[in-house]
Amino acid sequence: MKFFIALSMLFSMSSFACSTYEAQFSSVVKQVLTNVDDPYFCLIKLDINLSQAGQSWQPHMMCPLDVEFVLDQYISVKHCGFKTGDKISGYILKTENGLELE
């Protein structure tokens, strides 16, 4: 019986597919692009340098977002108030629509 439970858990884990990939991070804003039509929305790029004190990258255990994918990519921010050089932390999600700050 234990073998059956372990086997069913293995099959359920292998059929698990991620629709969103994520990582928890702490970094610095490298660039901000604002939209004239919607000043609350912006796109940012991060200056991710994990050898710098205070910067971190922790990918999700089941659906990890690779730091290499995020480098030089724009991240959507719904309630933007960031400037270049600001320290920022939170979660980055990669969805079918791109990268989003959570």
PDB file of N, CA and C in Angstrom:
ATOM      1  N   MET A   1       0.814  -1.188   0.000  1.00  0.00           N
ATOM      2  CA  MET A   1       0.000   0.000   0.000  1.00  0.00           C
ATOM      3  C   MET A   1       0.865   1.261   0.000  1.00  0.00           C
ATOM      4  N   LYS A   2       1.945   1.262   0.808  1.00  0.00           N
ATOM      5  CA  LYS A   2       2.845   2.416   0.845  1.00  0.00           C
ATOM      6  C   LYS A   2       3.500   2.629  -0.514  1.00  0.00           C
ATOM      7  N   PHE A   3       3.827   1.530  -1.174  1.00  0.00           N
ATOM      8  CA  PHE A   3       4.433   1.620  -2.494  1.00  0.00           C
ATOM      9  C   PHE A   3       3.473   2.293  -3.470  1.00  0.00           C
ATOM     10  N   PHE A   4       2.199   1.937  -3.403  1.00  0.00           N
ATOM     11  CA  PHE A   4       1.191   2.524  -4.291  1.00  0.00           C
ATOM     12  C   PHE A   4       1.049   4.028  -4.040  1.00  0.00           C
ATOM     13  N   ILE A   5       1.055   4.447  -2.784  1.00  0.00           N
ATOM     14  CA  ILE A   5       0.938   5.867  -2.442  1.00  0.00           C
ATOM     15  C   ILE A   5       2.163   6.625  -2.942  1.00  0.00           C
ATOM     16  N   ALA A   6       3.342   6.063  -2.704  1.00  0.00           N
ATOM     17  CA  ALA A   6       4.574   6.715  -3.157  1.00  0.00           C
ATOM     18  C   ALA A   6       4.604   6.817  -4.677  1.00  0.00           C
ATOM     19  N   LEU A   7       4.173   5.775  -5.365  1.00  0.00           N
ATOM     20  CA  LEU A   7       4.149   5.763  -6.821  1.00  0.00           C
ATOM     21  C   LEU A   7       3.160   6.792  -7.361  1.00  0.00           C
ATOM     22  N   SER A   8       1.991   6.896  -6.739  1.00  0.00           N
ATOM     23  CA  SER A   8       1.005   7.873  -7.206  1.00  0.00           C
ATOM     24  C   SER A   8       1.482   9.300  -6.952  1.00  0.00           C
ATOM     25  N   MET A   9       2.219   9.531  -5.865  1.00  0.00           N
ATOM     26  CA  MET A   9       2.774  10.857  -5.600  1.00  0.00           C
ATOM     27  C   MET A   9       3.833  11.215  -6.639  1.00  0.00           C
ATOM     28  N   LEU A  10       4.627  10.231  -7.018  1.00  0.00           N
ATOM     29  CA  LEU A  10       5.664  10.455  -8.026  1.00  0.00           C
ATOM     30  C   LEU A  10       5.044  10.833  -9.363  1.00  0.00           C
ATOM     31  N   PHE A  11       3.998  10.132  -9.770  1.00  0.00           N
ATOM     32  CA  PHE A  11       3.344  10.434 -11.044  1.00  0.00           C
ATOM     33  C   PHE A  11       2.639  11.780 -11.000  1.00  0.00           C
ATOM     34  N   SER A  12       2.052  12.132  -9.868  1.00  0.00           N
ATOM     35  CA  SER A  12       1.371  13.431  -9.785  1.00  0.00           C
ATOM     36  C   SER A  12       2.378  14.566  -9.819  1.00  0.00           C
ATOM     37  N   MET A  13       3.560  14.387  -9.243  1.00  0.00           N
ATOM     38  CA  MET A  13       4.594  15.413  -9.280  1.00  0.00           C
ATOM     39  C   MET A  13       5.170  15.558 -10.677  1.00  0.00           C
ATOM     40  N   SER A  14       5.341  14.464 -11.396  1.00  0.00           N
ATOM     41  CA  SER A  14       5.926  14.542 -12.728  1.00  0.00           C
ATOM     42  C   SER A  14       4.953  15.143 -13.731  1.00  0.00           C
ATOM     43  N   SER A  15       3.663  15.105 -13.446  1.00  0.00           N
ATOM     44  CA  SER A  15       2.691  15.695 -14.359  1.00  0.00           C
ATOM     45  C   SER A  15       2.426  17.158 -14.023  1.00  0.00           C
ATOM     46  N   PHE A  16       3.044  17.655 -12.956  1.00  0.00           N
ATOM     47  CA  PHE A  16       2.887  19.033 -12.536  1.00  0.00           C
ATOM     48  C   PHE A  16       3.562  19.939 -13.560  1.00  0.00           C
ATOM     49  N   ALA A  17       2.822  20.873 -14.123  1.00  0.00           N
ATOM     50  CA  ALA A  17       3.378  21.810 -15.094  1.00  0.00           C
ATOM     51  C   ALA A  17       3.187  23.229 -14.579  1.00  0.00           C
ATOM     52  N   CYS A  18       4.210  24.017 -14.701  1.00  0.00           N
ATOM     53  CA  CYS A  18       4.153  25.391 -14.221  1.00  0.00           C
ATOM     54  C   CYS A  18       3.568  26.301 -15.291  1.00  0.00           C
ATOM     55  N   SER A  19       2.602  27.102 -14.905  1.00  0.00           N
ATOM     56  CA  SER A  19       2.098  28.130 -15.815  1.00  0.00           C
ATOM     57  C   SER A  19       2.735  29.468 -15.465  1.00  0.00           C
ATOM     58  N   THR A  20       3.287  29.571 -14.261  1.00  0.00           N
ATOM     59  CA  THR A  20       3.975  30.771 -13.799  1.00  0.00           C
ATOM     60  C   THR A  20       5.279  30.343 -13.139  1.00  0.00           C
ATOM     61  N   TYR A  21       6.348  31.048 -13.462  1.00  0.00           N
ATOM     62  CA  TYR A  21       7.643  30.816 -12.825  1.00  0.00           C
ATOM     63  C   TYR A  21       7.931  32.030 -11.957  1.00  0.00           C
ATOM     64  N   GLU A  22       8.601  31.821 -10.819  1.00  0.00           N
ATOM     65  CA  GLU A  22       8.796  32.964  -9.934  1.00  0.00           C
ATOM     66  C   GLU A  22      10.074  32.877  -9.128  1.00  0.00           C
ATOM     67  N   ALA A  23      10.462  34.050  -8.622  1.00  0.00           N
ATOM     68  CA  ALA A  23      11.618  34.152  -7.742  1.00  0.00           C
ATOM     69  C   ALA A  23      11.414  35.338  -6.815  1.00  0.00           C
ATOM     70  N   GLN A  24      11.934  35.203  -5.608  1.00  0.00           N
ATOM     71  CA  GLN A  24      11.954  36.309  -4.662  1.00  0.00           C
ATOM     72  C   GLN A  24      13.314  36.977  -4.829  1.00  0.00           C
ATOM     73  N   PHE A  25      13.349  38.308  -4.815  1.00  0.00           N
ATOM     74  CA  PHE A  25      14.594  38.998  -5.115  1.00  0.00           C
ATOM     75  C   PHE A  25      14.750  40.274  -4.298  1.00  0.00           C
ATOM     76  N   SER A  26      15.955  40.773  -4.306  1.00  0.00           N
ATOM     77  CA  SER A  26      16.290  42.088  -3.782  1.00  0.00           C
ATOM     78  C   SER A  26      17.371  42.626  -4.716  1.00  0.00           C
ATOM     79  N   SER A  27      17.150  43.827  -5.278  1.00  0.00           N
ATOM     80  CA  SER A  27      18.067  44.354  -6.273  1.00  0.00           C
ATOM     81  C   SER A  27      17.953  45.872  -6.339  1.00  0.00           C
ATOM     82  N   VAL A  28      18.468  46.441  -7.433  1.00  0.00           N
ATOM     83  CA  VAL A  28      18.451  47.876  -7.676  1.00  0.00           C
ATOM     84  C   VAL A  28      17.833  48.120  -9.050  1.00  0.00           C
ATOM     85  N   VAL A  29      17.019  49.172  -9.158  1.00  0.00           N
ATOM     86  CA  VAL A  29      16.399  49.533 -10.439  1.00  0.00           C
ATOM     87  C   VAL A  29      17.472  50.129 -11.356  1.00  0.00           C
ATOM     88  N   LYS A  30      17.597  49.547 -12.538  1.00  0.00           N
ATOM     89  CA  LYS A  30      18.591  49.978 -13.519  1.00  0.00           C
ATOM     90  C   LYS A  30      18.005  50.993 -14.505  1.00  0.00           C
ATOM     91  N   GLN A  31      16.737  50.784 -14.886  1.00  0.00           N
ATOM     92  CA  GLN A  31      16.103  51.637 -15.885  1.00  0.00           C
ATOM     93  C   GLN A  31      14.591  51.640 -15.667  1.00  0.00           C
ATOM     94  N   VAL A  32      13.955  52.786 -15.940  1.00  0.00           N
ATOM     95  CA  VAL A  32      12.505  52.915 -15.818  1.00  0.00           C
ATOM     96  C   VAL A  32      11.965  53.525 -17.101  1.00  0.00           C
ATOM     97  N   LEU A  33      10.976  52.859 -17.689  1.00  0.00           N
ATOM     98  CA  LEU A  33      10.262  53.394 -18.853  1.00  0.00           C
ATOM     99  C   LEU A  33       8.825  53.649 -18.446  1.00  0.00           C
ATOM    100  N   THR A  34       8.379  54.884 -18.575  1.00  0.00           N
ATOM    101  CA  THR A  34       7.007  55.212 -18.210  1.00  0.00           C
ATOM    102  C   THR A  34       6.158  55.373 -19.462  1.00  0.00           C
ATOM    103  N   ASN A  35       4.858  55.333 -19.254  1.00  0.00           N
ATOM    104  CA  ASN A  35       3.887  55.452 -20.337  1.00  0.00           C
ATOM    105  C   ASN A  35       3.123  56.767 -20.127  1.00  0.00           C
ATOM    106  N   VAL A  36       3.088  57.621 -21.135  1.00  0.00           N
ATOM    107  CA  VAL A  36       2.417  58.909 -21.001  1.00  0.00           C
ATOM    108  C   VAL A  36       0.926  58.733 -20.759  1.00  0.00           C
ATOM    109  N   ASP A  37       0.325  57.723 -21.354  1.00  0.00           N
ATOM    110  CA  ASP A  37      -1.110  57.496 -21.219  1.00  0.00           C
ATOM    111  C   ASP A  37      -1.497  56.951 -19.843  1.00  0.00           C
ATOM    112  N   ASP A  38      -0.585  56.241 -19.182  1.00  0.00           N
ATOM    113  CA  ASP A  38      -0.876  55.650 -17.871  1.00  0.00           C
ATOM    114  C   ASP A  38       0.348  55.834 -16.973  1.00  0.00           C
ATOM    115  N   PRO A  39       0.401  56.937 -16.219  1.00  0.00           N
ATOM    116  CA  PRO A  39       1.579  57.221 -15.394  1.00  0.00           C
ATOM    117  C   PRO A  39       1.781  56.245 -14.240  1.00  0.00           C
ATOM    118  N   TYR A  40       0.772  55.432 -13.928  1.00  0.00           N
ATOM    119  CA  TYR A  40       0.907  54.462 -12.837  1.00  0.00           C
ATOM    120  C   TYR A  40       1.550  53.160 -13.297  1.00  0.00           C
ATOM    121  N   PHE A  41       1.639  52.946 -14.595  1.00  0.00           N
ATOM    122  CA  PHE A  41       2.231  51.732 -15.159  1.00  0.00           C
ATOM    123  C   PHE A  41       3.617  52.071 -15.698  1.00  0.00           C
ATOM    124  N   CYS A  42       4.577  51.186 -15.489  1.00  0.00           N
ATOM    125  CA  CYS A  42       5.903  51.381 -16.083  1.00  0.00           C
ATOM    126  C   CYS A  42       6.563  50.030 -16.319  1.00  0.00           C
ATOM    127  N   LEU A  43       7.665  50.074 -17.020  1.00  0.00           N
ATOM    128  CA  LEU A  43       8.521  48.915 -17.229  1.00  0.00           C
ATOM    129  C   LEU A  43       9.859  49.237 -16.581  1.00  0.00           C
ATOM    130  N   ILE A  44      10.417  48.256 -15.878  1.00  0.00           N
ATOM    131  CA  ILE A  44      11.730  48.464 -15.264  1.00  0.00           C
ATOM    132  C   ILE A  44      12.683  47.354 -15.662  1.00  0.00           C
ATOM    133  N   LYS A  45      13.965  47.682 -15.610  1.00  0.00           N
ATOM    134  CA  LYS A  45      15.026  46.684 -15.710  1.00  0.00           C
ATOM    135  C   LYS A  45      15.765  46.717 -14.386  1.00  0.00           C
ATOM    136  N   LEU A  46      16.254  45.562 -13.968  1.00  0.00           N
ATOM    137  CA  LEU A  46      16.979  45.460 -12.708  1.00  0.00           C
ATOM    138  C   LEU A  46      18.475  45.353 -12.957  1.00  0.00           C
ATOM    139  N   ASP A  47      19.237  45.895 -12.044  1.00  0.00           N
ATOM    140  CA  ASP A  47      20.690  45.745 -12.044  1.00  0.00           C
ATOM    141  C   ASP A  47      21.003  44.630 -11.060  1.00  0.00           C
ATOM    142  N   ILE A  48      20.925  43.396 -11.525  1.00  0.00           N
ATOM    143  CA  ILE A  48      21.098  42.235 -10.652  1.00  0.00           C
ATOM    144  C   ILE A  48      22.582  41.871 -10.596  1.00  0.00           C
ATOM    145  N   ASN A  49      23.171  42.063  -9.430  1.00  0.00           N
ATOM    146  CA  ASN A  49      24.570  41.721  -9.206  1.00  0.00           C
ATOM    147  C   ASN A  49      24.643  41.032  -7.848  1.00  0.00           C
ATOM    148  N   LEU A  50      24.585  39.721  -7.846  1.00  0.00           N
ATOM    149  CA  LEU A  50      24.478  38.957  -6.606  1.00  0.00           C
ATOM    150  C   LEU A  50      25.734  39.009  -5.748  1.00  0.00           C
ATOM    151  N   SER A  51      26.836  39.562  -6.282  1.00  0.00           N
ATOM    152  CA  SER A  51      28.042  39.721  -5.462  1.00  0.00           C
ATOM    153  C   SER A  51      27.973  41.003  -4.631  1.00  0.00           C
ATOM    154  N   GLN A  52      26.978  41.857  -4.909  1.00  0.00           N
ATOM    155  CA  GLN A  52      26.787  43.091  -4.134  1.00  0.00           C
ATOM    156  C   GLN A  52      26.009  42.792  -2.857  1.00  0.00           C
ATOM    157  N   ALA A  53      26.405  43.432  -1.776  1.00  0.00           N
ATOM    158  CA  ALA A  53      25.703  43.273  -0.493  1.00  0.00           C
ATOM    159  C   ALA A  53      24.263  43.754  -0.634  1.00  0.00           C
ATOM    160  N   GLY A  54      23.346  43.023  -0.056  1.00  0.00           N
ATOM    161  CA  GLY A  54      21.940  43.404  -0.082  1.00  0.00           C
ATOM    162  C   GLY A  54      21.164  42.917  -1.288  1.00  0.00           C
ATOM    163  N   GLN A  55      21.834  42.298  -2.238  1.00  0.00           N
ATOM    164  CA  GLN A  55      21.132  41.762  -3.399  1.00  0.00           C
ATOM    165  C   GLN A  55      20.992  40.254  -3.243  1.00  0.00           C
ATOM    166  N   SER A  56      19.822  39.750  -3.640  1.00  0.00           N
ATOM    167  CA  SER A  56      19.579  38.309  -3.503  1.00  0.00           C
ATOM    168  C   SER A  56      18.636  37.833  -4.601  1.00  0.00           C
ATOM    169  N   TRP A  57      18.645  36.531  -4.819  1.00  0.00           N
ATOM    170  CA  TRP A  57      17.776  35.875  -5.809  1.00  0.00           C
ATOM    171  C   TRP A  57      17.455  34.487  -5.280  1.00  0.00           C
ATOM    172  N   GLN A  58      16.178  34.241  -4.984  1.00  0.00           N
ATOM    173  CA  GLN A  58      15.734  32.947  -4.479  1.00  0.00           C
ATOM    174  C   GLN A  58      14.630  32.404  -5.390  1.00  0.00           C
ATOM    175  N   PRO A  59      14.961  31.508  -6.320  1.00  0.00           N
ATOM    176  CA  PRO A  59      13.921  30.947  -7.192  1.00  0.00           C
ATOM    177  C   PRO A  59      12.952  30.046  -6.422  1.00  0.00           C
ATOM    178  N   HIS A  60      11.730  29.999  -6.901  1.00  0.00           N
ATOM    179  CA  HIS A  60      10.703  29.138  -6.329  1.00  0.00           C
ATOM    180  C   HIS A  60      11.152  27.687  -6.456  1.00  0.00           C
ATOM    181  N   MET A  61      10.828  26.864  -5.465  1.00  0.00           N
ATOM    182  CA  MET A  61      11.289  25.478  -5.459  1.00  0.00           C
ATOM    183  C   MET A  61      10.663  24.644  -6.584  1.00  0.00           C
ATOM    184  N   MET A  62       9.366  24.805  -6.825  1.00  0.00           N
ATOM    185  CA  MET A  62       8.686  23.978  -7.824  1.00  0.00           C
ATOM    186  C   MET A  62       8.699  24.603  -9.229  1.00  0.00           C
ATOM    187  N   CYS A  63       8.628  25.928  -9.310  1.00  0.00           N
ATOM    188  CA  CYS A  63       8.577  26.628 -10.598  1.00  0.00           C
ATOM    189  C   CYS A  63       9.598  27.755 -10.594  1.00  0.00           C
ATOM    190  N   PRO A  64      10.887  27.419 -10.711  1.00  0.00           N
ATOM    191  CA  PRO A  64      11.932  28.430 -10.562  1.00  0.00           C
ATOM    192  C   PRO A  64      12.069  29.340 -11.781  1.00  0.00           C
ATOM    193  N   LEU A  65      12.286  30.614 -11.502  1.00  0.00           N
ATOM    194  CA  LEU A  65      12.596  31.588 -12.534  1.00  0.00           C
ATOM    195  C   LEU A  65      14.099  31.811 -12.497  1.00  0.00           C
ATOM    196  N   ASP A  66      14.749  31.588 -13.627  1.00  0.00           N
ATOM    197  CA  ASP A  66      16.200  31.691 -13.717  1.00  0.00           C
ATOM    198  C   ASP A  66      16.621  33.156 -13.797  1.00  0.00           C
ATOM    199  N   VAL A  67      17.610  33.520 -13.001  1.00  0.00           N
ATOM    200  CA  VAL A  67      18.102  34.902 -12.989  1.00  0.00           C
ATOM    201  C   VAL A  67      18.635  35.307 -14.363  1.00  0.00           C
ATOM    202  N   GLU A  68      19.219  34.383 -15.095  1.00  0.00           N
ATOM    203  CA  GLU A  68      19.744  34.677 -16.434  1.00  0.00           C
ATOM    204  C   GLU A  68      18.645  35.122 -17.391  1.00  0.00           C
ATOM    205  N   PHE A  69      17.438  34.621 -17.203  1.00  0.00           N
ATOM    206  CA  PHE A  69      16.314  35.005 -18.062  1.00  0.00           C
ATOM    207  C   PHE A  69      15.908  36.454 -17.809  1.00  0.00           C
ATOM    208  N   VAL A  70      16.034  36.916 -16.579  1.00  0.00           N
ATOM    209  CA  VAL A  70      15.565  38.245 -16.192  1.00  0.00           C
ATOM    210  C   VAL A  70      16.545  39.345 -16.583  1.00  0.00           C
ATOM    211  N   LEU A  71      17.829  39.015 -16.668  1.00  0.00           N
ATOM    212  CA  LEU A  71      18.823  40.026 -17.027  1.00  0.00           C
ATOM    213  C   LEU A  71      18.459  40.682 -18.348  1.00  0.00           C
ATOM    214  N   ASP A  72      18.455  42.000 -18.366  1.00  0.00           N
ATOM    215  CA  ASP A  72      18.157  42.818 -19.560  1.00  0.00           C
ATOM    216  C   ASP A  72      16.751  42.634 -20.106  1.00  0.00           C
ATOM    217  N   GLN A  73      15.822  42.132 -19.292  1.00  0.00           N
ATOM    218  CA  GLN A  73      14.418  42.039 -19.684  1.00  0.00           C
ATOM    219  C   GLN A  73      13.628  43.109 -18.936  1.00  0.00           C
ATOM    220  N   TYR A  74      12.596  43.628 -19.590  1.00  0.00           N
ATOM    221  CA  TYR A  74      11.718  44.583 -18.923  1.00  0.00           C
ATOM    222  C   TYR A  74      10.685  43.844 -18.078  1.00  0.00           C
ATOM    223  N   ILE A  75      10.382  44.416 -16.919  1.00  0.00           N
ATOM    224  CA  ILE A  75       9.436  43.849 -15.974  1.00  0.00           C
ATOM    225  C   ILE A  75       8.275  44.831 -15.828  1.00  0.00           C
ATOM    226  N   SER A  76       7.045  44.364 -15.995  1.00  0.00           N
ATOM    227  CA  SER A  76       5.854  45.208 -15.868  1.00  0.00           C
ATOM    228  C   SER A  76       5.580  45.520 -14.411  1.00  0.00           C
ATOM    229  N   VAL A  77       5.299  46.800 -14.147  1.00  0.00           N
ATOM    230  CA  VAL A  77       4.960  47.247 -12.800  1.00  0.00           C
ATOM    231  C   VAL A  77       3.653  48.022 -12.894  1.00  0.00           C
ATOM    232  N   LYS A  78       2.642  47.586 -12.165  1.00  0.00           N
ATOM    233  CA  LYS A  78       1.317  48.196 -12.259  1.00  0.00           C
ATOM    234  C   LYS A  78       1.214  49.514 -11.502  1.00  0.00           C
ATOM    235  N   HIS A  79       1.841  49.625 -10.360  1.00  0.00           N
ATOM    236  CA  HIS A  79       1.786  50.848  -9.555  1.00  0.00           C
ATOM    237  C   HIS A  79       3.202  51.376  -9.406  1.00  0.00           C
ATOM    238  N   CYS A  80       3.669  52.057 -10.435  1.00  0.00           N
ATOM    239  CA  CYS A  80       5.070  52.454 -10.518  1.00  0.00           C
ATOM    240  C   CYS A  80       5.324  53.748  -9.756  1.00  0.00           C
ATOM    241  N   GLY A  81       6.411  53.757  -9.057  1.00  0.00           N
ATOM    242  CA  GLY A  81       6.888  54.958  -8.391  1.00  0.00           C
ATOM    243  C   GLY A  81       8.396  54.873  -8.251  1.00  0.00           C
ATOM    244  N   PHE A  82       9.006  54.069  -9.100  1.00  0.00           N
ATOM    245  CA  PHE A  82      10.437  53.805  -8.991  1.00  0.00           C
ATOM    246  C   PHE A  82      11.251  54.777  -9.831  1.00  0.00           C
ATOM    247  N   LYS A  83      12.478  54.999  -9.367  1.00  0.00           N
ATOM    248  CA  LYS A  83      13.462  55.785 -10.101  1.00  0.00           C
ATOM    249  C   LYS A  83      14.710  54.929 -10.245  1.00  0.00           C
ATOM    250  N   THR A  84      15.540  55.256 -11.209  1.00  0.00           N
ATOM    251  CA  THR A  84      16.812  54.572 -11.380  1.00  0.00           C
ATOM    252  C   THR A  84      17.622  54.689 -10.088  1.00  0.00           C
ATOM    253  N   GLY A  85      18.170  53.558  -9.637  1.00  0.00           N
ATOM    254  CA  GLY A  85      18.970  53.518  -8.417  1.00  0.00           C
ATOM    255  C   GLY A  85      18.204  53.127  -7.170  1.00  0.00           C
ATOM    256  N   ASP A  86      16.863  53.077  -7.260  1.00  0.00           N
ATOM    257  CA  ASP A  86      16.065  52.660  -6.099  1.00  0.00           C
ATOM    258  C   ASP A  86      16.332  51.207  -5.752  1.00  0.00           C
ATOM    259  N   LYS A  87      16.396  50.927  -4.443  1.00  0.00           N
ATOM    260  CA  LYS A  87      16.471  49.535  -3.999  1.00  0.00           C
ATOM    261  C   LYS A  87      15.059  48.980  -4.056  1.00  0.00           C
ATOM    262  N   ILE A  88      14.944  47.729  -4.500  1.00  0.00           N
ATOM    263  CA  ILE A  88      13.636  47.114  -4.700  1.00  0.00           C
ATOM    264  C   ILE A  88      13.711  45.644  -4.307  1.00  0.00           C
ATOM    265  N   SER A  89      12.620  45.133  -3.764  1.00  0.00           N
ATOM    266  CA  SER A  89      12.549  43.709  -3.448  1.00  0.00           C
ATOM    267  C   SER A  89      11.110  43.260  -3.613  1.00  0.00           C
ATOM    268  N   GLY A  90      10.940  41.973  -3.760  1.00  0.00           N
ATOM    269  CA  GLY A  90       9.606  41.416  -3.936  1.00  0.00           C
ATOM    270  C   GLY A  90       9.676  40.105  -4.697  1.00  0.00           C
ATOM    271  N   TYR A  91       8.663  39.880  -5.521  1.00  0.00           N
ATOM    272  CA  TYR A  91       8.582  38.661  -6.323  1.00  0.00           C
ATOM    273  C   TYR A  91       8.462  39.039  -7.790  1.00  0.00           C
ATOM    274  N   ILE A  92       9.184  38.323  -8.629  1.00  0.00           N
ATOM    275  CA  ILE A  92       9.053  38.465 -10.078  1.00  0.00           C
ATOM    276  C   ILE A  92       8.372  37.206 -10.590  1.00  0.00           C
ATOM    277  N   LEU A  93       7.333  37.404 -11.400  1.00  0.00           N
ATOM    278  CA  LEU A  93       6.604  36.292 -11.997  1.00  0.00           C
ATOM    279  C   LEU A  93       6.794  36.318 -13.503  1.00  0.00           C
ATOM    280  N   LYS A  94       7.032  35.163 -14.084  1.00  0.00           N
ATOM    281  CA  LYS A  94       7.068  35.021 -15.535  1.00  0.00           C
ATOM    282  C   LYS A  94       5.796  34.293 -15.926  1.00  0.00           C
ATOM    283  N   THR A  95       4.929  35.004 -16.627  1.00  0.00           N
ATOM    284  CA  THR A  95       3.669  34.417 -17.076  1.00  0.00           C
ATOM    285  C   THR A  95       3.664  34.419 -18.599  1.00  0.00           C
ATOM    286  N   GLU A  96       2.557  34.033 -19.179  1.00  0.00           N
ATOM    287  CA  GLU A  96       2.438  34.053 -20.644  1.00  0.00           C
ATOM    288  C   GLU A  96       2.475  35.483 -21.185  1.00  0.00           C
ATOM    289  N   ASN A  97       2.225  36.478 -20.310  1.00  0.00           N
ATOM    290  CA  ASN A  97       2.263  37.883 -20.725  1.00  0.00           C
ATOM    291  C   ASN A  97       3.605  38.545 -20.533  1.00  0.00           C
ATOM    292  N   GLY A  98       4.582  37.830 -19.996  1.00  0.00           N
ATOM    293  CA  GLY A  98       5.903  38.401 -19.758  1.00  0.00           C
ATOM    294  C   GLY A  98       6.245  38.416 -18.278  1.00  0.00           C
ATOM    295  N   LEU A  99       7.177  39.288 -17.912  1.00  0.00           N
ATOM    296  CA  LEU A  99       7.616  39.397 -16.523  1.00  0.00           C
ATOM    297  C   LEU A  99       6.804  40.452 -15.795  1.00  0.00           C
ATOM    298  N   GLU A 100       6.413  40.138 -14.566  1.00  0.00           N
ATOM    299  CA  GLU A 100       5.610  41.063 -13.764  1.00  0.00           C
ATOM    300  C   GLU A 100       6.184  41.137 -12.366  1.00  0.00           C
ATOM    301  N   LEU A 101       6.133  42.336 -11.780  1.00  0.00           N
ATOM    302  CA  LEU A 101       6.542  42.521 -10.400  1.00  0.00           C
ATOM    303  C   LEU A 101       5.343  42.308  -9.503  1.00  0.00           C
ATOM    304  N   GLU A 102       5.516  41.507  -8.496  1.00  0.00           N
ATOM    305  CA  GLU A 102       4.422  41.208  -7.570  1.00  0.00           C
ATOM    306  C   GLU A 102       4.731  41.850  -6.235  1.00  0.00           C
TER     307      GLU A 102
END
